Amino acid sequence: MTLRYVLVDDADDGTTDLDLELGPTYVPTAAISSGSSSRGGFGLLNFPEDAYILTYGNHELYDDATAATLTLTGSLPSVSFRCKVTISAVTGHADVAGSVVVGSETLTFAAAGTKTTTSALSALPVITTSGLDCNILIDAVTTGGAPIQAETATATKIHFENTASGYFNAQGQWTVYSGSYAMCRDAAAVGDKLRYDGADLPIKKVDALKMFRRILYYIFYL
């Protein structure tokens, strides 16, 4: 990747602009100086390719204040599941002694805590509460009690590059290493995935290119 600064003295307005050229594609944008510039003042990489950043978390069915009947906000899991119910006190809502009915199963709470239903479900249940005024979190878990991971796909634009390098290993054999990376203005974390060109690519490392303490874009190593 190239990183080049170019000073441009514009005769039309008498100002000197600092132009930045990054990587393989230079796109002129607004000038840094207060005057106008026919060249443009600050260029960044173009991100022409469509992709999705995939993030993962527990499959939440509900996370809000208690109500007589809860309106579930989560989607139906793709596998049979049980409901893990956690109640907790929040400011102004600290009544944590009561019951939660999930379908035909009743969970009774004497204090804040977590309980899990025993019945396997294949459809979203009707959930009601009684005697509670607090926050209630309901996660879908597998019939064995393991978390169910929910996927969230966020559309983004990237610049994708394939890379390859070679080296001699300890046995003197020439070994080729292949990898790829993507540059993106949206943040992601190690463990997320990048969906690009029909493949879900695990993000193994994340770097950021900064200038003047501002992040210009992120680099995902795949």
C-alpha atoms as a PDB file:
ATOM      1  CA  MET A   1       0.000   0.000   0.000  1.00  0.00           C
ATOM      2  CA  THR A   2       1.343   3.474  -0.826  1.00  0.00           C
ATOM      3  CA  LEU A   3       1.028   6.511   1.396  1.00  0.00           C
ATOM      4  CA  ARG A   4       1.969   9.754  -0.342  1.00  0.00           C
ATOM      5  CA  TYR A   5       1.478  13.386   0.540  1.00  0.00           C
ATOM      6  CA  VAL A   6       1.495  15.967  -2.269  1.00  0.00           C
ATOM      7  CA  LEU A   7       1.775  19.737  -1.770  1.00  0.00           C
ATOM      8  CA  VAL A   8      -0.185  21.591  -4.454  1.00  0.00           C
ATOM      9  CA  ASP A   9       0.245  25.339  -4.997  1.00  0.00           C
ATOM     10  CA  ASP A  10      -2.950  26.541  -6.663  1.00  0.00           C
ATOM     11  CA  ALA A  11      -2.466  29.682  -8.665  1.00  0.00           C
ATOM     12  CA  ASP A  12      -6.190  30.344  -8.807  1.00  0.00           C
ATOM     13  CA  ASP A  13      -6.623  31.121  -5.116  1.00  0.00           C
ATOM     14  CA  GLY A  14      -3.079  31.554  -3.817  1.00  0.00           C
ATOM     15  CA  THR A  15      -3.380  28.703  -1.308  1.00  0.00           C
ATOM     16  CA  THR A  16      -1.288  25.580  -0.813  1.00  0.00           C
ATOM     17  CA  ASP A  17      -3.218  22.338  -0.265  1.00  0.00           C
ATOM     18  CA  LEU A  18      -1.992  19.087   1.272  1.00  0.00           C
ATOM     19  CA  ASP A  19      -3.185  16.191  -0.859  1.00  0.00           C
ATOM     20  CA  LEU A  20      -3.095  12.618   0.447  1.00  0.00           C
ATOM     21  CA  GLU A  21      -2.982   9.652  -1.873  1.00  0.00           C
ATOM     22  CA  LEU A  22      -3.708   6.250  -0.314  1.00  0.00           C
ATOM     23  CA  GLY A  23      -3.424   2.880  -1.938  1.00  0.00           C
ATOM     24  CA  PRO A  24      -4.328   1.904  -5.474  1.00  0.00           C
ATOM     25  CA  THR A  25      -7.262   4.270  -6.067  1.00  0.00           C
ATOM     26  CA  TYR A  26      -7.190   8.037  -5.555  1.00  0.00           C
ATOM     27  CA  VAL A  27     -10.494   9.882  -5.327  1.00  0.00           C
ATOM     28  CA  PRO A  28     -10.375  13.689  -4.990  1.00  0.00           C
ATOM     29  CA  THR A  29     -12.766  15.143  -2.437  1.00  0.00           C
ATOM     30  CA  ALA A  30     -13.134  18.509  -0.729  1.00  0.00           C
ATOM     31  CA  ALA A  31     -10.053  20.694  -0.290  1.00  0.00           C
ATOM     32  CA  ILE A  32      -8.388  20.997   3.083  1.00  0.00           C
ATOM     33  CA  SER A  33      -7.828  24.749   2.755  1.00  0.00           C
ATOM     34  CA  SER A  34     -10.614  27.270   3.034  1.00  0.00           C
ATOM     35  CA  GLY A  35     -10.158  28.275  -0.595  1.00  0.00           C
ATOM     36  CA  SER A  36     -11.336  26.305  -3.614  1.00  0.00           C
ATOM     37  CA  SER A  37      -9.018  24.007  -5.522  1.00  0.00           C
ATOM     38  CA  SER A  38      -9.394  22.581  -9.003  1.00  0.00           C
ATOM     39  CA  ARG A  39      -7.427  19.496  -7.945  1.00  0.00           C
ATOM     40  CA  GLY A  40      -9.261  18.824  -4.690  1.00  0.00           C
ATOM     41  CA  GLY A  41      -7.554  18.649  -1.340  1.00  0.00           C
ATOM     42  CA  PHE A  42      -7.961  15.329   0.418  1.00  0.00           C
ATOM     43  CA  GLY A  43      -8.208  11.961  -1.289  1.00  0.00           C
ATOM     44  CA  LEU A  44      -9.077   8.588   0.198  1.00  0.00           C
ATOM     45  CA  LEU A  45      -9.317   5.037  -1.004  1.00  0.00           C
ATOM     46  CA  ASN A  46     -12.355   4.172  -3.014  1.00  0.00           C
ATOM     47  CA  PHE A  47     -14.376   1.249  -1.605  1.00  0.00           C
ATOM     48  CA  PRO A  48     -16.229  -0.139  -4.637  1.00  0.00           C
ATOM     49  CA  GLU A  49     -17.202  -3.649  -3.517  1.00  0.00           C
ATOM     50  CA  ASP A  50     -20.319  -4.712  -1.614  1.00  0.00           C
ATOM     51  CA  ALA A  51     -19.927  -6.876   1.485  1.00  0.00           C
ATOM     52  CA  TYR A  52     -21.492  -7.601   4.870  1.00  0.00           C
ATOM     53  CA  ILE A  53     -19.927  -7.548   8.326  1.00  0.00           C
ATOM     54  CA  LEU A  54     -21.324 -10.485  10.304  1.00  0.00           C
ATOM     55  CA  THR A  55     -21.478 -10.196  14.082  1.00  0.00           C
ATOM     56  CA  TYR A  56     -22.657 -12.817  16.552  1.00  0.00           C
ATOM     57  CA  GLY A  57     -24.325 -12.716  19.940  1.00  0.00           C
ATOM     58  CA  ASN A  58     -26.757 -14.601  22.130  1.00  0.00           C
ATOM     59  CA  HIS A  59     -30.170 -15.175  20.534  1.00  0.00           C
ATOM     60  CA  GLU A  60     -32.263 -12.671  22.498  1.00  0.00           C
ATOM     61  CA  LEU A  61     -36.012 -12.954  22.440  1.00  0.00           C
ATOM     62  CA  TYR A  62     -36.642 -10.032  24.793  1.00  0.00           C
ATOM     63  CA  ASP A  63     -34.646  -7.516  26.855  1.00  0.00           C
ATOM     64  CA  ASP A  64     -36.774  -4.776  28.392  1.00  0.00           C
ATOM     65  CA  ALA A  65     -39.105  -3.952  31.252  1.00  0.00           C
ATOM     66  CA  THR A  66     -41.595  -6.538  32.422  1.00  0.00           C
ATOM     67  CA  ALA A  67     -45.206  -6.380  31.233  1.00  0.00           C
ATOM     68  CA  ALA A  68     -48.289  -8.495  31.781  1.00  0.00           C
ATOM     69  CA  THR A  69     -47.700 -10.072  28.361  1.00  0.00           C
ATOM     70  CA  LEU A  70     -44.346  -9.640  26.685  1.00  0.00           C
ATOM     71  CA  THR A  71     -44.088  -8.682  23.024  1.00  0.00           C
ATOM     72  CA  LEU A  72     -41.094 -10.685  21.900  1.00  0.00           C
ATOM     73  CA  THR A  73     -38.600  -8.808  19.727  1.00  0.00           C
ATOM     74  CA  GLY A  74     -36.375 -11.750  18.755  1.00  0.00           C
ATOM     75  CA  SER A  75     -36.851 -14.153  15.878  1.00  0.00           C
ATOM     76  CA  LEU A  76     -37.644 -17.856  16.027  1.00  0.00           C
ATOM     77  CA  PRO A  77     -34.467 -19.945  16.359  1.00  0.00           C
ATOM     78  CA  SER A  78     -33.792 -22.475  13.617  1.00  0.00           C
ATOM     79  CA  VAL A  79     -33.484 -25.320  16.153  1.00  0.00           C
ATOM     80  CA  SER A  80     -35.505 -26.570  19.114  1.00  0.00           C
ATOM     81  CA  PHE A  81     -34.848 -24.355  22.111  1.00  0.00           C
ATOM     82  CA  ARG A  82     -35.524 -23.554  25.711  1.00  0.00           C
ATOM     83  CA  CYS A  83     -35.868 -20.111  27.320  1.00  0.00           C
ATOM     84  CA  LYS A  84     -33.262 -18.748  29.719  1.00  0.00           C
ATOM     85  CA  VAL A  85     -34.940 -16.035  31.807  1.00  0.00           C
ATOM     86  CA  THR A  86     -32.939 -13.431  33.765  1.00  0.00           C
ATOM     87  CA  ILE A  87     -34.587 -10.771  35.900  1.00  0.00           C
ATOM     88  CA  SER A  88     -32.711  -7.827  37.411  1.00  0.00           C
ATOM     89  CA  ALA A  89     -33.491  -4.602  39.221  1.00  0.00           C
ATOM     90  CA  VAL A  90     -33.018  -1.300  37.393  1.00  0.00           C
ATOM     91  CA  THR A  91     -33.515   2.273  38.559  1.00  0.00           C
ATOM     92  CA  GLY A  92     -37.144   2.745  39.588  1.00  0.00           C
ATOM     93  CA  HIS A  93     -38.035  -0.874  38.843  1.00  0.00           C
ATOM     94  CA  ALA A  94     -36.852  -3.180  41.612  1.00  0.00           C
ATOM     95  CA  ASP A  95     -39.722  -5.599  42.248  1.00  0.00           C
ATOM     96  CA  VAL A  96     -38.016  -8.918  41.482  1.00  0.00           C
ATOM     97  CA  ALA A  97     -40.289 -11.332  43.369  1.00  0.00           C
ATOM     98  CA  GLY A  98     -42.918 -12.878  41.151  1.00  0.00           C
ATOM     99  CA  SER A  99     -43.410 -15.353  38.351  1.00  0.00           C
ATOM    100  CA  VAL A 100     -42.834 -15.738  34.625  1.00  0.00           C
ATOM    101  CA  VAL A 101     -45.014 -18.103  32.594  1.00  0.00           C
ATOM    102  CA  VAL A 102     -43.402 -19.386  29.405  1.00  0.00           C
ATOM    103  CA  GLY A 103     -46.040 -21.270  27.439  1.00  0.00           C
ATOM    104  CA  SER A 104     -47.373 -23.703  30.013  1.00  0.00           C
ATOM    105  CA  GLU A 105     -44.315 -23.634  32.303  1.00  0.00           C
ATOM    106  CA  THR A 106     -44.088 -21.353  35.348  1.00  0.00           C
ATOM    107  CA  LEU A 107     -40.801 -19.990  36.718  1.00  0.00           C
ATOM    108  CA  THR A 108     -41.051 -18.515  40.224  1.00  0.00           C
ATOM    109  CA  PHE A 109     -38.527 -15.914  41.414  1.00  0.00           C
ATOM    110  CA  ALA A 110     -37.948 -14.826  44.997  1.00  0.00           C
ATOM    111  CA  ALA A 111     -35.041 -12.558  44.014  1.00  0.00           C
ATOM    112  CA  ALA A 112     -33.123 -11.383  40.981  1.00  0.00           C
ATOM    113  CA  GLY A 113     -31.503 -14.256  39.101  1.00  0.00           C
ATOM    114  CA  THR A 114     -31.684 -16.656  36.167  1.00  0.00           C
ATOM    115  CA  LYS A 115     -33.845 -19.701  35.522  1.00  0.00           C
ATOM    116  CA  THR A 116     -34.261 -21.870  32.423  1.00  0.00           C
ATOM    117  CA  THR A 117     -37.348 -23.665  31.214  1.00  0.00           C
ATOM    118  CA  THR A 118     -37.234 -27.444  30.776  1.00  0.00           C
ATOM    119  CA  SER A 119     -39.620 -27.918  27.848  1.00  0.00           C
ATOM    120  CA  ALA A 120     -38.252 -27.993  24.290  1.00  0.00           C
ATOM    121  CA  LEU A 121     -39.966 -25.427  22.058  1.00  0.00           C
ATOM    122  CA  SER A 122     -40.318 -25.207  18.280  1.00  0.00           C
ATOM    123  CA  ALA A 123     -42.396 -22.018  18.152  1.00  0.00           C
ATOM    124  CA  LEU A 124     -42.179 -18.704  19.960  1.00  0.00           C
ATOM    125  CA  PRO A 125     -44.148 -19.039  23.197  1.00  0.00           C
ATOM    126  CA  VAL A 126     -46.587 -16.658  24.838  1.00  0.00           C
ATOM    127  CA  ILE A 127     -44.787 -15.223  27.890  1.00  0.00           C
ATOM    128  CA  THR A 128     -46.565 -13.470  30.751  1.00  0.00           C
ATOM    129  CA  THR A 129     -45.392 -12.119  34.102  1.00  0.00           C
ATOM    130  CA  SER A 130     -46.994 -11.590  37.480  1.00  0.00           C
ATOM    131  CA  GLY A 131     -45.810  -9.552  40.470  1.00  0.00           C
ATOM    132  CA  LEU A 132     -42.691  -8.299  38.701  1.00  0.00           C
ATOM    133  CA  ASP A 133     -41.614  -4.731  37.928  1.00  0.00           C
ATOM    134  CA  CYS A 134     -38.029  -4.988  36.706  1.00  0.00           C
ATOM    135  CA  ASN A 135     -35.938  -5.771  33.662  1.00  0.00           C
ATOM    136  CA  ILE A 136     -36.338  -9.187  32.079  1.00  0.00           C
ATOM    137  CA  LEU A 137     -33.915 -10.747  29.600  1.00  0.00           C
ATOM    138  CA  ILE A 138     -34.958 -13.868  27.714  1.00  0.00           C
ATOM    139  CA  ASP A 139     -32.360 -15.765  25.680  1.00  0.00           C
ATOM    140  CA  ALA A 140     -33.039 -18.797  23.513  1.00  0.00           C
ATOM    141  CA  VAL A 141     -30.683 -21.680  24.359  1.00  0.00           C
ATOM    142  CA  THR A 142     -30.360 -25.169  22.934  1.00  0.00           C
ATOM    143  CA  THR A 143     -32.185 -28.073  24.539  1.00  0.00           C
ATOM    144  CA  GLY A 144     -28.825 -28.884  26.134  1.00  0.00           C
ATOM    145  CA  GLY A 145     -28.566 -25.396  27.613  1.00  0.00           C
ATOM    146  CA  ALA A 146     -25.852 -23.998  25.310  1.00  0.00           C
ATOM    147  CA  PRO A 147     -26.190 -20.462  23.921  1.00  0.00           C
ATOM    148  CA  ILE A 148     -27.681 -20.113  20.454  1.00  0.00           C
ATOM    149  CA  GLN A 149     -25.678 -17.636  18.425  1.00  0.00           C
ATOM    150  CA  ALA A 150     -27.678 -15.109  16.414  1.00  0.00           C
ATOM    151  CA  GLU A 151     -26.105 -13.569  13.302  1.00  0.00           C
ATOM    152  CA  THR A 152     -26.449  -9.895  12.390  1.00  0.00           C
ATOM    153  CA  ALA A 153     -25.431  -8.833   8.872  1.00  0.00           C
ATOM    154  CA  THR A 154     -24.525  -5.162   8.310  1.00  0.00           C
ATOM    155  CA  ALA A 155     -24.046  -3.947   4.740  1.00  0.00           C
ATOM    156  CA  THR A 156     -20.757  -2.175   4.026  1.00  0.00           C
ATOM    157  CA  LYS A 157     -18.366  -1.242   1.208  1.00  0.00           C
ATOM    158  CA  ILE A 158     -14.823  -2.601   0.979  1.00  0.00           C
ATOM    159  CA  HIS A 159     -11.669  -2.719  -1.095  1.00  0.00           C
ATOM    160  CA  PHE A 160     -10.588  -6.372  -1.248  1.00  0.00           C
ATOM    161  CA  GLU A 161      -7.074  -7.637  -1.970  1.00  0.00           C
ATOM    162  CA  ASN A 162      -5.650 -11.150  -2.309  1.00  0.00           C
ATOM    163  CA  THR A 163      -2.072 -11.633  -1.125  1.00  0.00           C
ATOM    164  CA  ALA A 164       0.476 -14.405  -1.447  1.00  0.00           C
ATOM    165  CA  SER A 165       4.039 -14.871  -0.196  1.00  0.00           C
ATOM    166  CA  GLY A 166       6.584 -17.668  -0.036  1.00  0.00           C
ATOM    167  CA  TYR A 167       9.319 -18.782   2.345  1.00  0.00           C
ATOM    168  CA  PHE A 168      11.630 -21.732   3.058  1.00  0.00           C
ATOM    169  CA  ASN A 169      10.446 -23.721   6.075  1.00  0.00           C
ATOM    170  CA  ALA A 170      12.706 -25.426   8.637  1.00  0.00           C
ATOM    171  CA  GLN A 171      13.078 -28.436   6.319  1.00  0.00           C
ATOM    172  CA  GLY A 172      14.230 -26.219   3.473  1.00  0.00           C
ATOM    173  CA  GLN A 173      11.002 -26.636   1.523  1.00  0.00           C
ATOM    174  CA  TRP A 174       9.521 -23.697  -0.333  1.00  0.00           C
ATOM    175  CA  THR A 175       6.149 -22.933   1.225  1.00  0.00           C
ATOM    176  CA  VAL A 176       3.535 -20.617  -0.211  1.00  0.00           C
ATOM    177  CA  TYR A 177       1.246 -18.691   2.136  1.00  0.00           C
ATOM    178  CA  SER A 178      -1.953 -17.263   0.718  1.00  0.00           C
ATOM    179  CA  GLY A 179      -4.234 -14.832   2.435  1.00  0.00           C
ATOM    180  CA  SER A 180      -6.376 -11.803   1.837  1.00  0.00           C
ATOM    181  CA  TYR A 181      -7.359  -8.553   3.453  1.00  0.00           C
ATOM    182  CA  ALA A 182     -10.073  -5.959   3.070  1.00  0.00           C
ATOM    183  CA  MET A 183     -10.105  -2.239   3.769  1.00  0.00           C
ATOM    184  CA  CYS A 184     -13.322  -0.783   5.148  1.00  0.00           C
ATOM    185  CA  ARG A 185     -14.512   2.388   6.870  1.00  0.00           C
ATOM    186  CA  ASP A 186     -16.818   0.397   9.188  1.00  0.00           C
ATOM    187  CA  ALA A 187     -15.385  -1.220  12.323  1.00  0.00           C
ATOM    188  CA  ALA A 188     -15.339  -4.946  13.059  1.00  0.00           C
ATOM    189  CA  ALA A 189     -13.701  -7.194  15.650  1.00  0.00           C
ATOM    190  CA  VAL A 190     -11.701 -10.397  15.654  1.00  0.00           C
ATOM    191  CA  GLY A 191     -14.218 -13.235  15.603  1.00  0.00           C
ATOM    192  CA  ASP A 192     -16.627 -11.403  13.315  1.00  0.00           C
ATOM    193  CA  LYS A 193     -16.860 -12.470   9.672  1.00  0.00           C
ATOM    194  CA  LEU A 194     -16.857 -10.680   6.348  1.00  0.00           C
ATOM    195  CA  ARG A 195     -19.385 -11.944   3.805  1.00  0.00           C
ATOM    196  CA  TYR A 196     -17.909 -11.256   0.379  1.00  0.00           C
ATOM    197  CA  ASP A 197     -18.396 -12.835  -3.033  1.00  0.00           C
ATOM    198  CA  GLY A 198     -20.507 -15.664  -1.621  1.00  0.00           C
ATOM    199  CA  ALA A 199     -18.108 -16.657   1.181  1.00  0.00           C
ATOM    200  CA  ASP A 200     -18.102 -15.949   4.939  1.00  0.00           C
ATOM    201  CA  LEU A 201     -14.487 -15.108   5.791  1.00  0.00           C
ATOM    202  CA  PRO A 202     -13.390 -15.083   9.470  1.00  0.00           C
ATOM    203  CA  ILE A 203     -11.684 -11.850  10.529  1.00  0.00           C
ATOM    204  CA  LYS A 204      -8.398 -12.905  12.140  1.00  0.00           C
ATOM    205  CA  LYS A 205      -6.848  -9.501  12.846  1.00  0.00           C
ATOM    206  CA  VAL A 206      -7.922  -5.861  12.664  1.00  0.00           C
ATOM    207  CA  ASP A 207      -5.675  -2.837  12.118  1.00  0.00           C
ATOM    208  CA  ALA A 208      -6.597   0.799  11.628  1.00  0.00           C
ATOM    209  CA  LEU A 209      -4.955   3.498   9.533  1.00  0.00           C
ATOM    210  CA  LYS A 210      -5.015   6.803  11.391  1.00  0.00           C
ATOM    211  CA  MET A 211      -4.088  10.353  10.531  1.00  0.00           C
ATOM    212  CA  PHE A 212      -4.166  13.190  13.035  1.00  0.00           C
ATOM    213  CA  ARG A 213      -5.708  10.736  15.570  1.00  0.00           C
ATOM    214  CA  ARG A 214      -8.633  10.087  13.251  1.00  0.00           C
ATOM    215  CA  ILE A 215      -9.287   6.602  11.873  1.00  0.00           C
ATOM    216  CA  LEU A 216      -9.421   6.765   8.084  1.00  0.00           C
ATOM    217  CA  TYR A 217     -10.289   3.120   7.577  1.00  0.00           C
ATOM    218  CA  TYR A 218      -9.874  -0.365   9.050  1.00  0.00           C
ATOM    219  CA  ILE A 219      -7.905  -3.293   7.624  1.00  0.00           C
ATOM    220  CA  PHE A 220      -9.368  -6.772   8.141  1.00  0.00           C
ATOM    221  CA  TYR A 221      -6.945  -9.677   7.742  1.00  0.00           C
ATOM    222  CA  LEU A 222      -8.877 -12.735   6.594  1.00  0.00           C
END
